[in-house]
Amino acid sequence: MKTTRSKSPLLALVLFAACASGPSADVIPYTSDLCIVTDNKLGSMGDPVVKVYGNQEVKFCCRPCVKEFEEDQERFLAKLKK
């Protein structure tokens, strides 16, 4: 059985551009050296976990903190506005 591949240079170009653009320049950096959930020093539990919510970068001391954050994002994000 012979298979055919679609040859769409425009589609490939669009996909490449989307991947190559990387994170948006509009992302607000997380400047604290403490975990947003526990206030533990980042790096104290291994490499920090970094995620972006909307346009806000957030850093966590460990993966379980990500889950806790995601259960009540508004509460934790309010800490950044103080």
PDB file of N, CA and C in Angstrom:
ATOM      1  N   MET A   1       0.848  -1.178   0.000  1.00  0.00           N
ATOM      2  CA  MET A   1       0.000   0.000   0.000  1.00  0.00           C
ATOM      3  C   MET A   1       0.895   1.242   0.000  1.00  0.00           C
ATOM      4  N   LYS A   2       0.577   2.158  -0.873  1.00  0.00           N
ATOM      5  CA  LYS A   2       1.360   3.376  -1.007  1.00  0.00           C
ATOM      6  C   LYS A   2       0.707   4.485  -0.178  1.00  0.00           C
ATOM      7  N   THR A   3       1.509   5.199   0.589  1.00  0.00           N
ATOM      8  CA  THR A   3       0.986   6.318   1.372  1.00  0.00           C
ATOM      9  C   THR A   3       1.435   7.614   0.728  1.00  0.00           C
ATOM     10  N   THR A   4       0.629   8.621   0.885  1.00  0.00           N
ATOM     11  CA  THR A   4       0.981   9.929   0.340  1.00  0.00           C
ATOM     12  C   THR A   4       1.110  10.924   1.480  1.00  0.00           C
ATOM     13  N   ARG A   5       2.008  11.831   1.312  1.00  0.00           N
ATOM     14  CA  ARG A   5       2.196  12.878   2.321  1.00  0.00           C
ATOM     15  C   ARG A   5       1.747  14.196   1.730  1.00  0.00           C
ATOM     16  N   SER A   6       1.067  14.941   2.556  1.00  0.00           N
ATOM     17  CA  SER A   6       0.641  16.268   2.120  1.00  0.00           C
ATOM     18  C   SER A   6       1.848  17.181   2.108  1.00  0.00           C
ATOM     19  N   LYS A   7       1.980  17.937   1.056  1.00  0.00           N
ATOM     20  CA  LYS A   7       3.109  18.864   0.947  1.00  0.00           C
ATOM     21  C   LYS A   7       2.557  20.277   0.920  1.00  0.00           C
ATOM     22  N   SER A   8       2.420  20.838   2.107  1.00  0.00           N
ATOM     23  CA  SER A   8       1.894  22.189   2.211  1.00  0.00           C
ATOM     24  C   SER A   8       2.937  23.085   2.857  1.00  0.00           C
ATOM     25  N   PRO A   9       3.744  23.762   2.053  1.00  0.00           N
ATOM     26  CA  PRO A   9       4.781  24.635   2.620  1.00  0.00           C
ATOM     27  C   PRO A   9       4.202  25.745   3.488  1.00  0.00           C
ATOM     28  N   LEU A  10       3.029  26.246   3.121  1.00  0.00           N
ATOM     29  CA  LEU A  10       2.423  27.317   3.910  1.00  0.00           C
ATOM     30  C   LEU A  10       2.068  26.822   5.304  1.00  0.00           C
ATOM     31  N   LEU A  11       1.475  25.634   5.402  1.00  0.00           N
ATOM     32  CA  LEU A  11       1.126  25.065   6.702  1.00  0.00           C
ATOM     33  C   LEU A  11       2.379  24.852   7.535  1.00  0.00           C
ATOM     34  N   ALA A  12       3.423  24.320   6.930  1.00  0.00           N
ATOM     35  CA  ALA A  12       4.676  24.098   7.647  1.00  0.00           C
ATOM     36  C   ALA A  12       5.249  25.416   8.152  1.00  0.00           C
ATOM     37  N   LEU A  13       5.171  26.447   7.343  1.00  0.00           N
ATOM     38  CA  LEU A  13       5.681  27.758   7.731  1.00  0.00           C
ATOM     39  C   LEU A  13       4.898  28.329   8.905  1.00  0.00           C
ATOM     40  N   VAL A  14       3.586  28.204   8.867  1.00  0.00           N
ATOM     41  CA  VAL A  14       2.743  28.703   9.956  1.00  0.00           C
ATOM     42  C   VAL A  14       3.044  27.959  11.245  1.00  0.00           C
ATOM     43  N   LEU A  15       3.149  26.639  11.179  1.00  0.00           N
ATOM     44  CA  LEU A  15       3.451  25.853  12.375  1.00  0.00           C
ATOM     45  C   LEU A  15       4.823  26.198  12.930  1.00  0.00           C
ATOM     46  N   PHE A  16       5.799  26.373  12.050  1.00  0.00           N
ATOM     47  CA  PHE A  16       7.139  26.741  12.493  1.00  0.00           C
ATOM     48  C   PHE A  16       7.131  28.099  13.181  1.00  0.00           C
ATOM     49  N   ALA A  17       6.441  29.055  12.608  1.00  0.00           N
ATOM     50  CA  ALA A  17       6.383  30.402  13.186  1.00  0.00           C
ATOM     51  C   ALA A  17       5.732  30.371  14.557  1.00  0.00           C
ATOM     52  N   ALA A  18       4.691  29.563  14.708  1.00  0.00           N
ATOM     53  CA  ALA A  18       4.009  29.471  16.005  1.00  0.00           C
ATOM     54  C   ALA A  18       4.938  28.885  17.059  1.00  0.00           C
ATOM     55  N   CYS A  19       5.704  27.877  16.689  1.00  0.00           N
ATOM     56  CA  CYS A  19       6.622  27.242  17.634  1.00  0.00           C
ATOM     57  C   CYS A  19       7.837  28.113  17.913  1.00  0.00           C
ATOM     58  N   ALA A  20       8.311  28.799  16.915  1.00  0.00           N
ATOM     59  CA  ALA A  20       9.532  29.587  17.044  1.00  0.00           C
ATOM     60  C   ALA A  20       9.323  30.870  17.828  1.00  0.00           C
ATOM     61  N   SER A  21       8.080  31.312  17.920  1.00  0.00           N
ATOM     62  CA  SER A  21       7.845  32.587  18.584  1.00  0.00           C
ATOM     63  C   SER A  21       8.086  32.508  20.082  1.00  0.00           C
ATOM     64  N   GLY A  22       7.949  31.319  20.673  1.00  0.00           N
ATOM     65  CA  GLY A  22       8.218  31.137  22.091  1.00  0.00           C
ATOM     66  C   GLY A  22       7.227  31.881  22.950  1.00  0.00           C
ATOM     67  N   PRO A  23       7.562  32.051  24.233  1.00  0.00           N
ATOM     68  CA  PRO A  23       6.659  32.737  25.142  1.00  0.00           C
ATOM     69  C   PRO A  23       6.459  34.187  24.730  1.00  0.00           C
ATOM     70  N   SER A  24       5.319  34.693  25.052  1.00  0.00           N
ATOM     71  CA  SER A  24       4.993  36.069  24.706  1.00  0.00           C
ATOM     72  C   SER A  24       5.867  37.032  25.492  1.00  0.00           C
ATOM     73  N   ALA A  25       6.233  38.112  24.846  1.00  0.00           N
ATOM     74  CA  ALA A  25       7.036  39.136  25.511  1.00  0.00           C
ATOM     75  C   ALA A  25       6.213  39.865  26.562  1.00  0.00           C
ATOM     76  N   ASP A  26       4.900  39.655  26.555  1.00  0.00           N
ATOM     77  CA  ASP A  26       4.022  40.323  27.502  1.00  0.00           C
ATOM     78  C   ASP A  26       3.907  39.591  28.837  1.00  0.00           C
ATOM     79  N   VAL A  27       4.636  38.502  29.021  1.00  0.00           N
ATOM     80  CA  VAL A  27       4.561  37.739  30.267  1.00  0.00           C
ATOM     81  C   VAL A  27       5.233  38.537  31.378  1.00  0.00           C
ATOM     82  N   ILE A  28       4.515  38.675  32.483  1.00  0.00           N
ATOM     83  CA  ILE A  28       5.037  39.398  33.651  1.00  0.00           C
ATOM     84  C   ILE A  28       5.912  38.430  34.447  1.00  0.00           C
ATOM     85  N   PRO A  29       7.176  38.750  34.654  1.00  0.00           N
ATOM     86  CA  PRO A  29       8.060  37.833  35.373  1.00  0.00           C
ATOM     87  C   PRO A  29       7.706  37.728  36.858  1.00  0.00           C
ATOM     88  N   TYR A  30       7.951  36.554  37.411  1.00  0.00           N
ATOM     89  CA  TYR A  30       7.778  36.309  38.845  1.00  0.00           C
ATOM     90  C   TYR A  30       9.096  36.689  39.499  1.00  0.00           C
ATOM     91  N   THR A  31       9.102  37.717  40.305  1.00  0.00           N
ATOM     92  CA  THR A  31      10.362  38.256  40.817  1.00  0.00           C
ATOM     93  C   THR A  31      10.717  37.795  42.230  1.00  0.00           C
ATOM     94  N   SER A  32       9.804  37.148  42.914  1.00  0.00           N
ATOM     95  CA  SER A  32      10.079  36.688  44.276  1.00  0.00           C
ATOM     96  C   SER A  32      10.986  35.464  44.245  1.00  0.00           C
ATOM     97  N   ASP A  33      11.757  35.268  45.302  1.00  0.00           N
ATOM     98  CA  ASP A  33      12.562  34.053  45.414  1.00  0.00           C
ATOM     99  C   ASP A  33      11.896  33.044  46.339  1.00  0.00           C
ATOM    100  N   LEU A  34      10.579  33.261  46.597  1.00  0.00           N
ATOM    101  CA  LEU A  34       9.796  32.364  47.442  1.00  0.00           C
ATOM    102  C   LEU A  34       8.659  31.733  46.649  1.00  0.00           C
ATOM    103  N   CYS A  35       8.312  30.508  47.003  1.00  0.00           N
ATOM    104  CA  CYS A  35       7.180  29.813  46.394  1.00  0.00           C
ATOM    105  C   CYS A  35       5.901  30.585  46.706  1.00  0.00           C
ATOM    106  N   ILE A  36       5.048  30.771  45.706  1.00  0.00           N
ATOM    107  CA  ILE A  36       3.821  31.534  45.891  1.00  0.00           C
ATOM    108  C   ILE A  36       2.849  30.835  46.850  1.00  0.00           C
ATOM    109  N   VAL A  37       2.962  29.507  46.983  1.00  0.00           N
ATOM    110  CA  VAL A  37       2.032  28.750  47.825  1.00  0.00           C
ATOM    111  C   VAL A  37       2.533  28.642  49.258  1.00  0.00           C
ATOM    112  N   THR A  38       3.763  28.185  49.451  1.00  0.00           N
ATOM    113  CA  THR A  38       4.258  27.884  50.800  1.00  0.00           C
ATOM    114  C   THR A  38       5.204  28.930  51.373  1.00  0.00           C
ATOM    115  N   ASP A  39       5.659  29.844  50.540  1.00  0.00           N
ATOM    116  CA  ASP A  39       6.686  30.820  50.923  1.00  0.00           C
ATOM    117  C   ASP A  39       8.029  30.171  51.233  1.00  0.00           C
ATOM    118  N   ASN A  40       8.215  28.914  50.784  1.00  0.00           N
ATOM    119  CA  ASN A  40       9.528  28.271  50.892  1.00  0.00           C
ATOM    120  C   ASN A  40      10.464  28.914  49.877  1.00  0.00           C
ATOM    121  N   LYS A  41      11.739  28.928  50.190  1.00  0.00           N
ATOM    122  CA  LYS A  41      12.753  29.449  49.273  1.00  0.00           C
ATOM    123  C   LYS A  41      12.769  28.592  48.002  1.00  0.00           C
ATOM    124  N   LEU A  42      12.689  29.239  46.847  1.00  0.00           N
ATOM    125  CA  LEU A  42      12.751  28.504  45.588  1.00  0.00           C
ATOM    126  C   LEU A  42      14.097  27.814  45.483  1.00  0.00           C
ATOM    127  N   GLY A  43      14.087  26.549  45.087  1.00  0.00           N
ATOM    128  CA  GLY A  43      15.304  25.759  45.003  1.00  0.00           C
ATOM    129  C   GLY A  43      15.532  24.907  46.235  1.00  0.00           C
ATOM    130  N   SER A  44      14.775  25.137  47.300  1.00  0.00           N
ATOM    131  CA  SER A  44      14.953  24.366  48.536  1.00  0.00           C
ATOM    132  C   SER A  44      14.423  22.940  48.406  1.00  0.00           C
ATOM    133  N   MET A  45      13.593  22.698  47.392  1.00  0.00           N
ATOM    134  CA  MET A  45      13.005  21.373  47.199  1.00  0.00           C
ATOM    135  C   MET A  45      13.407  20.818  45.825  1.00  0.00           C
ATOM    136  N   GLY A  46      14.523  21.263  45.299  1.00  0.00           N
ATOM    137  CA  GLY A  46      14.934  20.892  43.947  1.00  0.00           C
ATOM    138  C   GLY A  46      14.695  22.070  43.014  1.00  0.00           C
ATOM    139  N   ASP A  47      14.761  21.799  41.730  1.00  0.00           N
ATOM    140  CA  ASP A  47      14.549  22.864  40.748  1.00  0.00           C
ATOM    141  C   ASP A  47      13.126  23.402  40.863  1.00  0.00           C
ATOM    142  N   PRO A  48      12.954  24.726  40.866  1.00  0.00           N
ATOM    143  CA  PRO A  48      11.610  25.303  40.912  1.00  0.00           C
ATOM    144  C   PRO A  48      10.801  24.917  39.680  1.00  0.00           C
ATOM    145  N   VAL A  49       9.492  24.846  39.866  1.00  0.00           N
ATOM    146  CA  VAL A  49       8.566  24.601  38.764  1.00  0.00           C
ATOM    147  C   VAL A  49       8.070  25.967  38.305  1.00  0.00           C
ATOM    148  N   VAL A  50       8.165  26.236  37.008  1.00  0.00           N
ATOM    149  CA  VAL A  50       7.771  27.535  36.461  1.00  0.00           C
ATOM    150  C   VAL A  50       6.605  27.326  35.496  1.00  0.00           C
ATOM    151  N   LYS A  51       5.528  28.086  35.704  1.00  0.00           N
ATOM    152  CA  LYS A  51       4.358  28.025  34.833  1.00  0.00           C
ATOM    153  C   LYS A  51       3.899  29.446  34.547  1.00  0.00           C
ATOM    154  N   VAL A  52       3.086  29.591  33.493  1.00  0.00           N
ATOM    155  CA  VAL A  52       2.520  30.891  33.152  1.00  0.00           C
ATOM    156  C   VAL A  52       1.009  30.755  33.160  1.00  0.00           C
ATOM    157  N   TYR A  53       0.344  31.640  33.892  1.00  0.00           N
ATOM    158  CA  TYR A  53      -1.115  31.685  33.987  1.00  0.00           C
ATOM    159  C   TYR A  53      -1.557  33.030  33.430  1.00  0.00           C
ATOM    160  N   GLY A  54      -2.282  32.979  32.303  1.00  0.00           N
ATOM    161  CA  GLY A  54      -2.624  34.222  31.625  1.00  0.00           C
ATOM    162  C   GLY A  54      -1.337  34.833  31.110  1.00  0.00           C
ATOM    163  N   ASN A  55      -0.978  35.978  31.645  1.00  0.00           N
ATOM    164  CA  ASN A  55       0.297  36.595  31.261  1.00  0.00           C
ATOM    165  C   ASN A  55       1.250  36.698  32.454  1.00  0.00           C
ATOM    166  N   GLN A  56       0.959  35.956  33.532  1.00  0.00           N
ATOM    167  CA  GLN A  56       1.773  36.027  34.748  1.00  0.00           C
ATOM    168  C   GLN A  56       2.600  34.752  34.926  1.00  0.00           C
ATOM    169  N   GLU A  57       3.912  34.897  34.989  1.00  0.00           N
ATOM    170  CA  GLU A  57       4.784  33.782  35.329  1.00  0.00           C
ATOM    171  C   GLU A  57       4.656  33.534  36.830  1.00  0.00           C
ATOM    172  N   VAL A  58       4.630  32.256  37.220  1.00  0.00           N
ATOM    173  CA  VAL A  58       4.537  31.881  38.630  1.00  0.00           C
ATOM    174  C   VAL A  58       5.550  30.774  38.885  1.00  0.00           C
ATOM    175  N   LYS A  59       6.219  30.826  40.038  1.00  0.00           N
ATOM    176  CA  LYS A  59       7.209  29.810  40.389  1.00  0.00           C
ATOM    177  C   LYS A  59       6.801  29.101  41.673  1.00  0.00           C
ATOM    178  N   PHE A  60       7.064  27.797  41.681  1.00  0.00           N
ATOM    179  CA  PHE A  60       6.690  26.939  42.800  1.00  0.00           C
ATOM    180  C   PHE A  60       7.916  26.167  43.278  1.00  0.00           C
ATOM    181  N   CYS A  61       7.928  25.820  44.563  1.00  0.00           N
ATOM    182  CA  CYS A  61       9.056  25.067  45.105  1.00  0.00           C
ATOM    183  C   CYS A  61       8.982  23.593  44.715  1.00  0.00           C
ATOM    184  N   CYS A  62       7.765  23.091  44.406  1.00  0.00           N
ATOM    185  CA  CYS A  62       7.597  21.674  44.067  1.00  0.00           C
ATOM    186  C   CYS A  62       6.280  21.459  43.323  1.00  0.00           C
ATOM    187  N   ARG A  63       6.121  20.306  42.708  1.00  0.00           N
ATOM    188  CA  ARG A  63       4.914  20.001  41.931  1.00  0.00           C
ATOM    189  C   ARG A  63       3.625  19.991  42.758  1.00  0.00           C
ATOM    190  N   PRO A  64       3.613  19.480  43.997  1.00  0.00           N
ATOM    191  CA  PRO A  64       2.366  19.526  44.766  1.00  0.00           C
ATOM    192  C   PRO A  64       1.836  20.956  44.960  1.00  0.00           C
ATOM    193  N   CYS A  65       2.726  21.931  44.984  1.00  0.00           N
ATOM    194  CA  CYS A  65       2.280  23.323  45.121  1.00  0.00           C
ATOM    195  C   CYS A  65       1.530  23.789  43.874  1.00  0.00           C
ATOM    196  N   VAL A  66       1.881  23.256  42.715  1.00  0.00           N
ATOM    197  CA  VAL A  66       1.175  23.616  41.482  1.00  0.00           C
ATOM    198  C   VAL A  66      -0.286  23.208  41.612  1.00  0.00           C
ATOM    199  N   LYS A  67      -0.529  21.986  42.085  1.00  0.00           N
ATOM    200  CA  LYS A  67      -1.901  21.490  42.235  1.00  0.00           C
ATOM    201  C   LYS A  67      -2.681  22.361  43.214  1.00  0.00           C
ATOM    202  N   GLU A  68      -2.080  22.680  44.353  1.00  0.00           N
ATOM    203  CA  GLU A  68      -2.759  23.527  45.347  1.00  0.00           C
ATOM    204  C   GLU A  68      -3.066  24.905  44.766  1.00  0.00           C
ATOM    205  N   PHE A  69      -2.117  25.467  44.035  1.00  0.00           N
ATOM    206  CA  PHE A  69      -2.311  26.770  43.392  1.00  0.00           C
ATOM    207  C   PHE A  69      -3.484  26.715  42.419  1.00  0.00           C
ATOM    208  N   GLU A  70      -3.514  25.683  41.590  1.00  0.00           N
ATOM    209  CA  GLU A  70      -4.538  25.588  40.556  1.00  0.00           C
ATOM    210  C   GLU A  70      -5.935  25.386  41.128  1.00  0.00           C
ATOM    211  N   GLU A  71      -6.034  24.915  42.357  1.00  0.00           N
ATOM    212  CA  GLU A  71      -7.336  24.765  43.010  1.00  0.00           C
ATOM    213  C   GLU A  71      -7.903  26.103  43.464  1.00  0.00           C
ATOM    214  N   ASP A  72      -7.066  27.122  43.652  1.00  0.00           N
ATOM    215  CA  ASP A  72      -7.532  28.437  44.091  1.00  0.00           C
ATOM    216  C   ASP A  72      -6.586  29.527  43.570  1.00  0.00           C
ATOM    217  N   GLN A  73      -6.501  29.630  42.247  1.00  0.00           N
ATOM    218  CA  GLN A  73      -5.569  30.572  41.613  1.00  0.00           C
ATOM    219  C   GLN A  73      -5.778  32.008  42.064  1.00  0.00           C
ATOM    220  N   GLU A  74      -7.008  32.438  42.160  1.00  0.00           N
ATOM    221  CA  GLU A  74      -7.292  33.838  42.507  1.00  0.00           C
ATOM    222  C   GLU A  74      -6.684  34.210  43.856  1.00  0.00           C
ATOM    223  N   ARG A  75      -6.801  33.324  44.832  1.00  0.00           N
ATOM    224  CA  ARG A  75      -6.249  33.600  46.168  1.00  0.00           C
ATOM    225  C   ARG A  75      -4.737  33.816  46.099  1.00  0.00           C
ATOM    226  N   PHE A  76      -4.052  32.935  45.388  1.00  0.00           N
ATOM    227  CA  PHE A  76      -2.593  33.039  45.330  1.00  0.00           C
ATOM    228  C   PHE A  76      -2.137  34.195  44.441  1.00  0.00           C
ATOM    229  N   LEU A  77      -2.816  34.412  43.334  1.00  0.00           N
ATOM    230  CA  LEU A  77      -2.429  35.515  42.457  1.00  0.00           C
ATOM    231  C   LEU A  77      -2.641  36.870  43.142  1.00  0.00           C
ATOM    232  N   ALA A  78      -3.572  36.930  44.076  1.00  0.00           N
ATOM    233  CA  ALA A  78      -3.798  38.170  44.830  1.00  0.00           C
ATOM    234  C   ALA A  78      -2.554  38.542  45.633  1.00  0.00           C
ATOM    235  N   LYS A  79      -1.746  37.550  46.016  1.00  0.00           N
ATOM    236  CA  LYS A  79      -0.507  37.824  46.761  1.00  0.00           C
ATOM    237  C   LYS A  79       0.469  38.653  45.926  1.00  0.00           C
ATOM    238  N   LEU A  80       0.377  38.535  44.606  1.00  0.00           N
ATOM    239  CA  LEU A  80       1.294  39.273  43.741  1.00  0.00           C
ATOM    240  C   LEU A  80       0.930  40.737  43.622  1.00  0.00           C
ATOM    241  N   LYS A  81      -0.301  41.073  43.953  1.00  0.00           N
ATOM    242  CA  LYS A  81      -0.780  42.453  43.813  1.00  0.00           C
ATOM    243  C   LYS A  81      -0.534  43.277  45.054  1.00  0.00           C
ATOM    244  N   LYS A  82       0.013  42.682  46.084  1.00  0.00           N
ATOM    245  CA  LYS A  82       0.259  43.415  47.333  1.00  0.00           C
ATOM    246  C   LYS A  82       1.541  44.195  47.244  1.00  0.00           C
TER     247      LYS A  82
END
